[in-house]
C-alpha cells in the first residue's frame, strides 16, 4: 500500500459530511461567510529530523513554518495553532525554554497564536502541530482543468541538496539554511486564491505533489524541465559534487513552494499583479505525467518521498489526513 492508496482507504472508511475532509492540504468547513481551515503535521526525531542538525529554537521555527504552509496552500490565512510535544529526558530545561523562545518568534513572524496543546516526556522528540486558519474560497487540489498552465512560486531541490550536505557532515551553506528555515508562501497563497484553479505546497517533491494534484483533479500534465526555476548555484554545485541535479529538483522535498494550476485568462491577470512565479507546463487530458527536456521525455526513477514506500510503511506527514 502506498500513501495514495492509504488516503483513499481512509476517505472511504471515514466519510466527512461537514465539508472537505481527508485528501487536501487542510480540511475546510464553512463557518458563516468564511471557511475554517485545519491541518496537522507530525515531526518525529530520526524520521523527519536529527536533533544534531538543529538548535531547539530552529526546530520549533521550522515545525511551525511547515504547518503555516499548509494553510497558504489552501489560499487561506493561518490564525492559531495547538502544539503536542514529546520532549526527551536527555534534553535539559534550557533546551525546552529555547524551543519555546523559537516558537514564539515564529508565531510572531507568521502572525499566529498558540491556543493550547499537550506535553509529555518521551524517548525521542515528537512535535505535532494542528493549525487553524480561514479563507473565503479555499483552493483545492481537485480543480485543475485541461488547458490550464502549471506554475510554481519558486525553485525546488534546494532543501534536498541542503539535507544531502547535512548528511555528508557539512554544517552550513545556503542550501542547508534553506532546509532548516523554510519560508511558507503566505502572501502568494492569499493572492492565488483569487486566480488558481488548484494548488498544493511542495513538501514531498515536485513530481509527487504534482501527481497528487493531478489525481485529485482527474487530469494529466506535461512539464518542461528547462522552464523550472533551477538556481545557477544548485547547478554549479551538482556539477562539482556529481550530485543528481534532476532528481533533486524533481523529487527533492521540503521546499514549500506553491504549485498551482491556472487558466490562461486568469494567468494573464495574475501576471499584471507583479507576483513572482514560473510557468513550467500544462494540464492535459488523460492521467499521464510527462517531463520533457528539449522535446524528449525524461525517464523518471522516482516521484518523491512516500514513507509507505521509503520506510516500510511509516507515514511521513499528515497533510493528507488533516
C-alpha atoms as a PDB file:
ATOM      1  CA  UNK A   1       0.000   0.000   0.000  1.00  0.00           C
ATOM      2  CA  UNK A   2       1.364   3.425  -0.933  1.00  0.00           C
ATOM      3  CA  UNK A   3       0.278   6.758   0.527  1.00  0.00           C
ATOM      4  CA  UNK A   4      -2.334   7.441  -2.154  1.00  0.00           C
ATOM      5  CA  UNK A   5      -3.967   4.070  -1.523  1.00  0.00           C
ATOM      6  CA  UNK A   6      -3.894   4.666   2.222  1.00  0.00           C
ATOM      7  CA  UNK A   7      -5.574   8.061   1.866  1.00  0.00           C
ATOM      8  CA  UNK A   8      -8.238   6.534  -0.398  1.00  0.00           C
ATOM      9  CA  UNK A   9      -8.834   3.833   2.209  1.00  0.00           C
ATOM     10  CA  UNK A  10      -9.257   6.435   4.968  1.00  0.00           C
ATOM     11  CA  UNK A  11     -11.604   8.574   2.874  1.00  0.00           C
ATOM     12  CA  UNK A  12     -13.790   5.535   2.263  1.00  0.00           C
ATOM     13  CA  UNK A  13     -13.719   4.376   5.881  1.00  0.00           C
ATOM     14  CA  UNK A  14     -14.226   7.819   7.434  1.00  0.00           C
ATOM     15  CA  UNK A  15     -16.544   9.902   5.232  1.00  0.00           C
ATOM     16  CA  UNK A  16     -16.643  13.550   6.289  1.00  0.00           C
ATOM     17  CA  UNK A  17     -20.024  15.192   5.782  1.00  0.00           C
ATOM     18  CA  UNK A  18     -19.390  18.643   7.227  1.00  0.00           C
ATOM     19  CA  UNK A  19     -17.183  19.863   4.385  1.00  0.00           C
ATOM     20  CA  UNK A  20     -13.854  18.901   2.842  1.00  0.00           C
ATOM     21  CA  UNK A  21     -12.036  16.287   4.905  1.00  0.00           C
ATOM     22  CA  UNK A  22      -9.183  13.889   4.160  1.00  0.00           C
ATOM     23  CA  UNK A  23      -7.284  14.378   0.912  1.00  0.00           C
ATOM     24  CA  UNK A  24      -6.121  18.004   0.706  1.00  0.00           C
ATOM     25  CA  UNK A  25      -3.603  20.273   2.445  1.00  0.00           C
ATOM     26  CA  UNK A  26      -6.235  21.152   5.060  1.00  0.00           C
ATOM     27  CA  UNK A  27      -9.832  20.365   5.882  1.00  0.00           C
ATOM     28  CA  UNK A  28     -12.374  23.070   5.025  1.00  0.00           C
ATOM     29  CA  UNK A  29     -15.695  23.678   6.764  1.00  0.00           C
ATOM     30  CA  UNK A  30     -17.911  26.664   6.040  1.00  0.00           C
ATOM     31  CA  UNK A  31     -18.416  28.889   9.081  1.00  0.00           C
ATOM     32  CA  UNK A  32     -20.573  31.884   8.181  1.00  0.00           C
ATOM     33  CA  UNK A  33     -19.010  33.856   5.322  1.00  0.00           C
ATOM     34  CA  UNK A  34     -15.681  32.016   5.564  1.00  0.00           C
ATOM     35  CA  UNK A  35     -14.241  28.511   5.556  1.00  0.00           C
ATOM     36  CA  UNK A  36     -12.386  27.250   8.594  1.00  0.00           C
ATOM     37  CA  UNK A  37      -9.162  25.550   7.513  1.00  0.00           C
ATOM     38  CA  UNK A  38      -7.468  22.979   9.752  1.00  0.00           C
ATOM     39  CA  UNK A  39      -4.294  20.997   9.124  1.00  0.00           C
ATOM     40  CA  UNK A  40      -1.927  18.924  11.227  1.00  0.00           C
ATOM     41  CA  UNK A  41       1.660  17.714  10.850  1.00  0.00           C
ATOM     42  CA  UNK A  42       3.798  15.462  12.976  1.00  0.00           C
ATOM     43  CA  UNK A  43       7.611  15.649  13.045  1.00  0.00           C
ATOM     44  CA  UNK A  44       9.466  12.719  14.625  1.00  0.00           C
ATOM     45  CA  UNK A  45      13.121  12.645  15.588  1.00  0.00           C
ATOM     46  CA  UNK A  46      15.277  10.458  13.302  1.00  0.00           C
ATOM     47  CA  UNK A  47      12.482  10.256  10.723  1.00  0.00           C
ATOM     48  CA  UNK A  48      11.899  13.912   9.854  1.00  0.00           C
ATOM     49  CA  UNK A  49      14.934  15.470  11.543  1.00  0.00           C
ATOM     50  CA  UNK A  50      18.093  14.778  13.532  1.00  0.00           C
ATOM     51  CA  UNK A  51      18.500  16.753  16.734  1.00  0.00           C
ATOM     52  CA  UNK A  52      22.195  17.211  15.985  1.00  0.00           C
ATOM     53  CA  UNK A  53      21.281  19.289  12.921  1.00  0.00           C
ATOM     54  CA  UNK A  54      19.001  21.800  14.658  1.00  0.00           C
ATOM     55  CA  UNK A  55      19.001  24.112  17.614  1.00  0.00           C
ATOM     56  CA  UNK A  56      15.817  23.726  19.709  1.00  0.00           C
ATOM     57  CA  UNK A  57      14.706  27.183  18.601  1.00  0.00           C
ATOM     58  CA  UNK A  58      15.368  26.447  14.940  1.00  0.00           C
ATOM     59  CA  UNK A  59      13.453  23.190  15.139  1.00  0.00           C
ATOM     60  CA  UNK A  60      10.448  24.991  16.632  1.00  0.00           C
ATOM     61  CA  UNK A  61      10.511  27.623  13.895  1.00  0.00           C
ATOM     62  CA  UNK A  62      10.623  25.016  11.127  1.00  0.00           C
ATOM     63  CA  UNK A  63       7.842  22.977  12.725  1.00  0.00           C
ATOM     64  CA  UNK A  64       5.502  25.948  12.711  1.00  0.00           C
ATOM     65  CA  UNK A  65       6.524  27.136   9.231  1.00  0.00           C
ATOM     66  CA  UNK A  66       5.619  23.845   7.539  1.00  0.00           C
ATOM     67  CA  UNK A  67       2.161  23.969   9.122  1.00  0.00           C
ATOM     68  CA  UNK A  68       1.583  27.567   8.076  1.00  0.00           C
ATOM     69  CA  UNK A  69       2.461  26.446   4.541  1.00  0.00           C
ATOM     70  CA  UNK A  70      -0.493  24.028   4.503  1.00  0.00           C
ATOM     71  CA  UNK A  71      -2.908  26.899   5.123  1.00  0.00           C
ATOM     72  CA  UNK A  72      -1.177  29.008   2.462  1.00  0.00           C
ATOM     73  CA  UNK A  73      -1.598  26.107   0.014  1.00  0.00           C
ATOM     74  CA  UNK A  74      -5.367  26.374   0.521  1.00  0.00           C
ATOM     75  CA  UNK A  75      -5.310  30.106  -0.228  1.00  0.00           C
ATOM     76  CA  UNK A  76      -6.053  30.907   3.408  1.00  0.00           C
ATOM     77  CA  UNK A  77      -4.703  32.890   6.356  1.00  0.00           C
ATOM     78  CA  UNK A  78      -3.325  30.988   9.358  1.00  0.00           C
ATOM     79  CA  UNK A  79      -4.689  32.228  12.709  1.00  0.00           C
ATOM     80  CA  UNK A  80      -3.769  29.986  15.658  1.00  0.00           C
ATOM     81  CA  UNK A  81      -2.340  26.568  16.467  1.00  0.00           C
ATOM     82  CA  UNK A  82      -2.123  23.774  19.025  1.00  0.00           C
ATOM     83  CA  UNK A  83       1.131  22.043  19.957  1.00  0.00           C
ATOM     84  CA  UNK A  84       1.605  18.466  21.189  1.00  0.00           C
ATOM     85  CA  UNK A  85       5.203  17.998  22.268  1.00  0.00           C
ATOM     86  CA  UNK A  86       7.093  14.866  23.269  1.00  0.00           C
ATOM     87  CA  UNK A  87      10.334  16.021  24.902  1.00  0.00           C
ATOM     88  CA  UNK A  88      13.273  13.647  25.564  1.00  0.00           C
ATOM     89  CA  UNK A  89      14.790  13.303  29.043  1.00  0.00           C
ATOM     90  CA  UNK A  90      18.286  13.804  27.618  1.00  0.00           C
ATOM     91  CA  UNK A  91      17.452  17.449  26.833  1.00  0.00           C
ATOM     92  CA  UNK A  92      17.652  19.987  29.641  1.00  0.00           C
ATOM     93  CA  UNK A  93      15.152  22.645  30.789  1.00  0.00           C
ATOM     94  CA  UNK A  94      17.209  25.290  28.974  1.00  0.00           C
ATOM     95  CA  UNK A  95      16.584  23.400  25.711  1.00  0.00           C
ATOM     96  CA  UNK A  96      12.862  23.414  26.417  1.00  0.00           C
ATOM     97  CA  UNK A  97      12.891  27.158  27.053  1.00  0.00           C
ATOM     98  CA  UNK A  98      14.909  27.688  23.861  1.00  0.00           C
ATOM     99  CA  UNK A  99      12.353  25.665  21.908  1.00  0.00           C
ATOM    100  CA  UNK A 100       9.501  27.848  23.116  1.00  0.00           C
ATOM    101  CA  UNK A 101      11.515  31.017  22.523  1.00  0.00           C
ATOM    102  CA  UNK A 102      11.928  29.952  18.899  1.00  0.00           C
ATOM    103  CA  UNK A 103       8.257  29.039  18.703  1.00  0.00           C
ATOM    104  CA  UNK A 104       7.336  32.484  19.999  1.00  0.00           C
ATOM    105  CA  UNK A 105       9.477  34.214  17.374  1.00  0.00           C
ATOM    106  CA  UNK A 106       7.968  32.083  14.621  1.00  0.00           C
ATOM    107  CA  UNK A 107       4.429  32.741  15.860  1.00  0.00           C
ATOM    108  CA  UNK A 108       5.067  36.466  15.774  1.00  0.00           C
ATOM    109  CA  UNK A 109       6.633  36.219  12.325  1.00  0.00           C
ATOM    110  CA  UNK A 110       3.714  34.287  10.824  1.00  0.00           C
ATOM    111  CA  UNK A 111       1.032  36.184  12.793  1.00  0.00           C
ATOM    112  CA  UNK A 112      -0.397  33.153  14.583  1.00  0.00           C
ATOM    113  CA  UNK A 113      -1.081  32.444  18.260  1.00  0.00           C
ATOM    114  CA  UNK A 114      -0.590  29.360  20.427  1.00  0.00           C
ATOM    115  CA  UNK A 115      -4.032  28.255  21.618  1.00  0.00           C
ATOM    116  CA  UNK A 116      -3.150  25.133  23.634  1.00  0.00           C
ATOM    117  CA  UNK A 117      -1.808  21.605  23.369  1.00  0.00           C
ATOM    118  CA  UNK A 118      -0.237  18.801  25.376  1.00  0.00           C
ATOM    119  CA  UNK A 119       3.202  17.868  26.698  1.00  0.00           C
ATOM    120  CA  UNK A 120       4.872  14.568  27.576  1.00  0.00           C
ATOM    121  CA  UNK A 121       8.296  13.181  28.249  1.00  0.00           C
ATOM    122  CA  UNK A 122       9.383  10.786  25.511  1.00  0.00           C
ATOM    123  CA  UNK A 123      12.351   8.745  24.335  1.00  0.00           C
ATOM    124  CA  UNK A 124      12.581  10.747  21.119  1.00  0.00           C
ATOM    125  CA  UNK A 125      11.397  14.223  20.269  1.00  0.00           C
ATOM    126  CA  UNK A 126       7.941  14.413  18.720  1.00  0.00           C
ATOM    127  CA  UNK A 127       6.362  17.661  17.531  1.00  0.00           C
ATOM    128  CA  UNK A 128       2.736  17.629  16.407  1.00  0.00           C
ATOM    129  CA  UNK A 129       1.104  20.908  15.430  1.00  0.00           C
ATOM    130  CA  UNK A 130      -2.522  21.450  14.482  1.00  0.00           C
ATOM    131  CA  UNK A 131      -3.061  24.779  12.787  1.00  0.00           C
ATOM    132  CA  UNK A 132      -6.313  26.631  12.187  1.00  0.00           C
ATOM    133  CA  UNK A 133      -6.944  29.328   9.618  1.00  0.00           C
ATOM    134  CA  UNK A 134      -9.643  30.744   7.410  1.00  0.00           C
ATOM    135  CA  UNK A 135     -10.267  31.515   3.770  1.00  0.00           C
ATOM    136  CA  UNK A 136     -13.031  32.982   1.667  1.00  0.00           C
ATOM    137  CA  UNK A 137     -12.698  30.398  -1.097  1.00  0.00           C
ATOM    138  CA  UNK A 138     -10.287  27.508  -0.433  1.00  0.00           C
ATOM    139  CA  UNK A 139      -8.183  26.398  -3.388  1.00  0.00           C
ATOM    140  CA  UNK A 140      -8.382  22.612  -3.580  1.00  0.00           C
ATOM    141  CA  UNK A 141      -6.179  20.096  -5.314  1.00  0.00           C
ATOM    142  CA  UNK A 142      -9.129  18.938  -7.379  1.00  0.00           C
ATOM    143  CA  UNK A 143      -9.840  21.975  -9.583  1.00  0.00           C
ATOM    144  CA  UNK A 144      -7.248  21.685 -12.371  1.00  0.00           C
ATOM    145  CA  UNK A 145      -8.645  21.594 -15.918  1.00  0.00           C
ATOM    146  CA  UNK A 146      -7.163  20.584 -19.279  1.00  0.00           C
ATOM    147  CA  UNK A 147      -5.539  23.630 -20.863  1.00  0.00           C
ATOM    148  CA  UNK A 148      -4.550  25.215 -17.535  1.00  0.00           C
ATOM    149  CA  UNK A 149      -1.000  26.393 -17.086  1.00  0.00           C
ATOM    150  CA  UNK A 150       1.062  24.741 -14.349  1.00  0.00           C
ATOM    151  CA  UNK A 151       3.111  27.221 -12.343  1.00  0.00           C
ATOM    152  CA  UNK A 152       5.319  27.300  -9.265  1.00  0.00           C
ATOM    153  CA  UNK A 153       6.272  30.172  -6.959  1.00  0.00           C
ATOM    154  CA  UNK A 154       9.979  29.373  -6.692  1.00  0.00           C
ATOM    155  CA  UNK A 155      12.815  26.852  -7.082  1.00  0.00           C
ATOM    156  CA  UNK A 156      12.807  23.252  -5.906  1.00  0.00           C
ATOM    157  CA  UNK A 157      15.639  20.928  -4.968  1.00  0.00           C
ATOM    158  CA  UNK A 158      17.484  23.371  -2.719  1.00  0.00           C
ATOM    159  CA  UNK A 159      16.226  21.924   0.565  1.00  0.00           C
ATOM    160  CA  UNK A 160      17.012  18.383  -0.599  1.00  0.00           C
ATOM    161  CA  UNK A 161      20.517  19.484  -1.524  1.00  0.00           C
ATOM    162  CA  UNK A 162      20.881  21.053   1.921  1.00  0.00           C
ATOM    163  CA  UNK A 163      19.842  17.772   3.532  1.00  0.00           C
ATOM    164  CA  UNK A 164      22.380  15.923   1.402  1.00  0.00           C
ATOM    165  CA  UNK A 165      25.079  18.297   2.661  1.00  0.00           C
ATOM    166  CA  UNK A 166      23.992  17.833   6.286  1.00  0.00           C
ATOM    167  CA  UNK A 167      24.145  14.061   5.952  1.00  0.00           C
ATOM    168  CA  UNK A 168      27.644  14.449   4.461  1.00  0.00           C
ATOM    169  CA  UNK A 169      28.779  16.265   7.595  1.00  0.00           C
ATOM    170  CA  UNK A 170      28.635  19.875   6.401  1.00  0.00           C
ATOM    171  CA  UNK A 171      27.377  22.421   8.912  1.00  0.00           C
ATOM    172  CA  UNK A 172      26.325  25.480   6.936  1.00  0.00           C
ATOM    173  CA  UNK A 173      25.571  26.570   3.384  1.00  0.00           C
ATOM    174  CA  UNK A 174      22.788  28.466   1.595  1.00  0.00           C
ATOM    175  CA  UNK A 175      21.137  25.099   0.885  1.00  0.00           C
ATOM    176  CA  UNK A 176      21.384  23.928   4.489  1.00  0.00           C
ATOM    177  CA  UNK A 177      19.797  27.183   5.603  1.00  0.00           C
ATOM    178  CA  UNK A 178      17.046  26.606   3.040  1.00  0.00           C
ATOM    179  CA  UNK A 179      16.437  23.149   4.516  1.00  0.00           C
ATOM    180  CA  UNK A 180      16.441  24.357   8.102  1.00  0.00           C
ATOM    181  CA  UNK A 181      14.427  27.546   7.613  1.00  0.00           C
ATOM    182  CA  UNK A 182      11.647  27.025   5.062  1.00  0.00           C
ATOM    183  CA  UNK A 183       9.578  30.059   4.129  1.00  0.00           C
ATOM    184  CA  UNK A 184       5.838  29.449   3.684  1.00  0.00           C
ATOM    185  CA  UNK A 185       4.429  31.445   0.779  1.00  0.00           C
ATOM    186  CA  UNK A 186       1.671  33.125   2.792  1.00  0.00           C
ATOM    187  CA  UNK A 187       1.126  36.305   0.781  1.00  0.00           C
ATOM    188  CA  UNK A 188       1.286  34.455  -2.525  1.00  0.00           C
ATOM    189  CA  UNK A 189      -1.182  31.859  -1.272  1.00  0.00           C
ATOM    190  CA  UNK A 190      -3.695  34.558  -0.402  1.00  0.00           C
ATOM    191  CA  UNK A 191      -3.299  36.202  -3.792  1.00  0.00           C
ATOM    192  CA  UNK A 192      -3.513  32.913  -5.679  1.00  0.00           C
ATOM    193  CA  UNK A 193      -6.866  32.201  -4.024  1.00  0.00           C
ATOM    194  CA  UNK A 194      -8.267  34.764  -6.476  1.00  0.00           C
ATOM    195  CA  UNK A 195      -6.785  33.129  -9.578  1.00  0.00           C
ATOM    196  CA  UNK A 196      -5.753  29.466  -9.213  1.00  0.00           C
ATOM    197  CA  UNK A 197      -7.968  26.506 -10.084  1.00  0.00           C
ATOM    198  CA  UNK A 198      -5.925  24.084  -7.933  1.00  0.00           C
ATOM    199  CA  UNK A 199      -2.943  24.332  -5.598  1.00  0.00           C
ATOM    200  CA  UNK A 200      -0.627  22.315  -3.339  1.00  0.00           C
ATOM    201  CA  UNK A 201       2.603  23.059  -1.486  1.00  0.00           C
ATOM    202  CA  UNK A 202       5.737  21.151  -2.490  1.00  0.00           C
ATOM    203  CA  UNK A 203       6.603  19.226   0.650  1.00  0.00           C
ATOM    204  CA  UNK A 204       7.425  15.719  -0.633  1.00  0.00           C
ATOM    205  CA  UNK A 205       8.809  16.509  -4.086  1.00  0.00           C
ATOM    206  CA  UNK A 206       7.672  18.445  -7.147  1.00  0.00           C
ATOM    207  CA  UNK A 207       6.539  15.424  -9.150  1.00  0.00           C
ATOM    208  CA  UNK A 208       4.961  13.561  -6.244  1.00  0.00           C
ATOM    209  CA  UNK A 209       2.969  16.584  -5.122  1.00  0.00           C
ATOM    210  CA  UNK A 210       2.019  17.392  -8.722  1.00  0.00           C
ATOM    211  CA  UNK A 211       0.833  13.800  -9.150  1.00  0.00           C
ATOM    212  CA  UNK A 212      -1.407  14.266  -6.083  1.00  0.00           C
ATOM    213  CA  UNK A 213      -2.954  17.363  -7.621  1.00  0.00           C
ATOM    214  CA  UNK A 214      -3.425  15.576 -10.954  1.00  0.00           C
ATOM    215  CA  UNK A 215      -5.001  12.536  -9.320  1.00  0.00           C
ATOM    216  CA  UNK A 216      -7.421  14.703  -7.333  1.00  0.00           C
ATOM    217  CA  UNK A 217      -8.373  16.621 -10.499  1.00  0.00           C
ATOM    218  CA  UNK A 218      -8.586  13.580 -12.780  1.00  0.00           C
ATOM    219  CA  UNK A 219      -6.188  15.075 -15.344  1.00  0.00           C
ATOM    220  CA  UNK A 220      -2.657  14.675 -16.664  1.00  0.00           C
ATOM    221  CA  UNK A 221       0.266  17.047 -17.156  1.00  0.00           C
ATOM    222  CA  UNK A 222       3.281  17.813 -19.253  1.00  0.00           C
ATOM    223  CA  UNK A 223       6.094  19.917 -17.820  1.00  0.00           C
ATOM    224  CA  UNK A 224       9.257  21.282 -19.407  1.00  0.00           C
ATOM    225  CA  UNK A 225      12.378  20.770 -17.308  1.00  0.00           C
ATOM    226  CA  UNK A 226      14.061  23.773 -18.934  1.00  0.00           C
ATOM    227  CA  UNK A 227      11.302  26.032 -17.605  1.00  0.00           C
ATOM    228  CA  UNK A 228      11.839  25.012 -13.993  1.00  0.00           C
ATOM    229  CA  UNK A 229      13.483  27.758 -11.905  1.00  0.00           C
ATOM    230  CA  UNK A 230      16.682  25.866 -11.130  1.00  0.00           C
ATOM    231  CA  UNK A 231      19.203  28.172  -9.492  1.00  0.00           C
ATOM    232  CA  UNK A 232      22.662  28.541 -11.078  1.00  0.00           C
ATOM    233  CA  UNK A 233      24.290  27.827  -7.684  1.00  0.00           C
ATOM    234  CA  UNK A 234      22.458  24.484  -7.445  1.00  0.00           C
ATOM    235  CA  UNK A 235      23.513  23.535 -10.970  1.00  0.00           C
ATOM    236  CA  UNK A 236      27.110  24.555 -10.235  1.00  0.00           C
ATOM    237  CA  UNK A 237      27.357  22.543  -7.011  1.00  0.00           C
ATOM    238  CA  UNK A 238      25.718  19.493  -8.596  1.00  0.00           C
ATOM    239  CA  UNK A 239      28.351  19.568 -11.340  1.00  0.00           C
ATOM    240  CA  UNK A 240      31.170  19.992  -8.819  1.00  0.00           C
ATOM    241  CA  UNK A 241      29.997  17.215  -6.483  1.00  0.00           C
ATOM    242  CA  UNK A 242      28.436  14.964  -9.121  1.00  0.00           C
ATOM    243  CA  UNK A 243      25.051  15.216  -7.428  1.00  0.00           C
ATOM    244  CA  UNK A 244      21.922  14.203  -9.411  1.00  0.00           C
ATOM    245  CA  UNK A 245      20.503  17.627 -10.301  1.00  0.00           C
ATOM    246  CA  UNK A 246      17.296  16.409 -11.928  1.00  0.00           C
ATOM    247  CA  UNK A 247      16.492  14.025  -9.090  1.00  0.00           C
ATOM    248  CA  UNK A 248      16.945  16.798  -6.528  1.00  0.00           C
ATOM    249  CA  UNK A 249      14.834  19.282  -8.493  1.00  0.00           C
ATOM    250  CA  UNK A 250      12.046  16.878  -9.456  1.00  0.00           C
ATOM    251  CA  UNK A 251      11.888  14.591  -6.412  1.00  0.00           C
ATOM    252  CA  UNK A 252      13.527  16.513  -3.556  1.00  0.00           C
ATOM    253  CA  UNK A 253      11.117  17.624  -0.849  1.00  0.00           C
ATOM    254  CA  UNK A 254      10.639  20.353   1.764  1.00  0.00           C
ATOM    255  CA  UNK A 255      10.873  23.400  -0.487  1.00  0.00           C
ATOM    256  CA  UNK A 256       7.342  24.577   0.438  1.00  0.00           C
ATOM    257  CA  UNK A 257       6.841  26.456  -2.795  1.00  0.00           C
ATOM    258  CA  UNK A 258       3.265  26.648  -4.084  1.00  0.00           C
ATOM    259  CA  UNK A 259       2.477  24.585  -7.174  1.00  0.00           C
ATOM    260  CA  UNK A 260      -0.727  25.646  -8.901  1.00  0.00           C
ATOM    261  CA  UNK A 261      -2.917  25.330 -11.983  1.00  0.00           C
ATOM    262  CA  UNK A 262      -4.341  28.494 -13.543  1.00  0.00           C
ATOM    263  CA  UNK A 263      -6.286  29.183 -16.734  1.00  0.00           C
ATOM    264  CA  UNK A 264      -4.506  31.189 -19.460  1.00  0.00           C
ATOM    265  CA  UNK A 265      -7.006  34.023 -18.976  1.00  0.00           C
ATOM    266  CA  UNK A 266      -6.507  34.183 -15.222  1.00  0.00           C
ATOM    267  CA  UNK A 267      -2.751  33.831 -15.631  1.00  0.00           C
ATOM    268  CA  UNK A 268      -2.657  36.974 -17.761  1.00  0.00           C
ATOM    269  CA  UNK A 269      -4.460  38.796 -14.967  1.00  0.00           C
ATOM    270  CA  UNK A 270      -2.194  37.297 -12.314  1.00  0.00           C
ATOM    271  CA  UNK A 271       0.866  38.451 -14.263  1.00  0.00           C
ATOM    272  CA  UNK A 272      -0.353  42.031 -14.033  1.00  0.00           C
ATOM    273  CA  UNK A 273      -0.196  41.894 -10.220  1.00  0.00           C
ATOM    274  CA  UNK A 274       3.598  41.606 -10.358  1.00  0.00           C
ATOM    275  CA  UNK A 275       3.666  38.441  -8.224  1.00  0.00           C
ATOM    276  CA  UNK A 276       6.663  36.226  -8.927  1.00  0.00           C
ATOM    277  CA  UNK A 277       6.078  32.726 -10.297  1.00  0.00           C
ATOM    278  CA  UNK A 278       7.229  30.459 -13.134  1.00  0.00           C
ATOM    279  CA  UNK A 279       5.165  28.713 -15.810  1.00  0.00           C
ATOM    280  CA  UNK A 280       6.509  25.167 -16.115  1.00  0.00           C
ATOM    281  CA  UNK A 281       3.917  23.193 -18.074  1.00  0.00           C
ATOM    282  CA  UNK A 282       0.307  22.490 -18.939  1.00  0.00           C
ATOM    283  CA  UNK A 283      -2.564  20.373 -17.666  1.00  0.00           C
ATOM    284  CA  UNK A 284      -3.586  17.719 -20.210  1.00  0.00           C
ATOM    285  CA  UNK A 285      -6.423  15.281 -20.695  1.00  0.00           C
ATOM    286  CA  UNK A 286      -5.904  11.732 -19.502  1.00  0.00           C
ATOM    287  CA  UNK A 287      -3.886  10.635 -16.491  1.00  0.00           C
ATOM    288  CA  UNK A 288      -0.268  10.766 -17.625  1.00  0.00           C
ATOM    289  CA  UNK A 289       2.579  12.901 -16.235  1.00  0.00           C
ATOM    290  CA  UNK A 290       5.404  13.615 -18.662  1.00  0.00           C
ATOM    291  CA  UNK A 291       8.593  15.596 -18.101  1.00  0.00           C
ATOM    292  CA  UNK A 292      10.223  16.877 -21.271  1.00  0.00           C
ATOM    293  CA  UNK A 293      13.657  18.319 -21.917  1.00  0.00           C
ATOM    294  CA  UNK A 294      14.353  19.742 -25.372  1.00  0.00           C
ATOM    295  CA  UNK A 295      11.314  17.866 -26.661  1.00  0.00           C
ATOM    296  CA  UNK A 296      12.444  14.478 -25.334  1.00  0.00           C
ATOM    297  CA  UNK A 297      10.773  12.699 -22.435  1.00  0.00           C
ATOM    298  CA  UNK A 298      12.906  12.215 -19.333  1.00  0.00           C
ATOM    299  CA  UNK A 299      12.993   8.854 -17.619  1.00  0.00           C
ATOM    300  CA  UNK A 300      11.888   9.364 -14.011  1.00  0.00           C
ATOM    301  CA  UNK A 301      13.153   6.923 -11.391  1.00  0.00           C
ATOM    302  CA  UNK A 302      11.021   8.254  -8.538  1.00  0.00           C
ATOM    303  CA  UNK A 303       8.444  10.980  -7.976  1.00  0.00           C
ATOM    304  CA  UNK A 304       9.389  11.998  -4.426  1.00  0.00           C
ATOM    305  CA  UNK A 305       9.283  10.786  -0.837  1.00  0.00           C
ATOM    306  CA  UNK A 306       6.492   8.432   0.237  1.00  0.00           C
ATOM    307  CA  UNK A 307       7.003   6.889   3.669  1.00  0.00           C
ATOM    308  CA  UNK A 308       4.867   3.909   2.794  1.00  0.00           C
ATOM    309  CA  UNK A 309       7.375   3.125   0.056  1.00  0.00           C
ATOM    310  CA  UNK A 310      10.574   4.585   1.522  1.00  0.00           C
ATOM    311  CA  UNK A 311      10.351   3.499   5.149  1.00  0.00           C
ATOM    312  CA  UNK A 312       8.492   0.231   5.419  1.00  0.00           C
ATOM    313  CA  UNK A 313       5.054   1.665   5.989  1.00  0.00           C
ATOM    314  CA  UNK A 314       5.781   4.720   8.149  1.00  0.00           C
ATOM    315  CA  UNK A 315       3.750   7.777   7.238  1.00  0.00           C
ATOM    316  CA  UNK A 316       5.738  10.962   6.771  1.00  0.00           C
ATOM    317  CA  UNK A 317       3.272  13.733   7.371  1.00  0.00           C
ATOM    318  CA  UNK A 318      -0.370  14.417   7.911  1.00  0.00           C
ATOM    319  CA  UNK A 319      -1.162  16.988   5.302  1.00  0.00           C
ATOM    320  CA  UNK A 320      -3.378  14.402   3.634  1.00  0.00           C
ATOM    321  CA  UNK A 321      -5.067  13.481   6.910  1.00  0.00           C
ATOM    322  CA  UNK A 322      -5.751  16.913   8.362  1.00  0.00           C
END
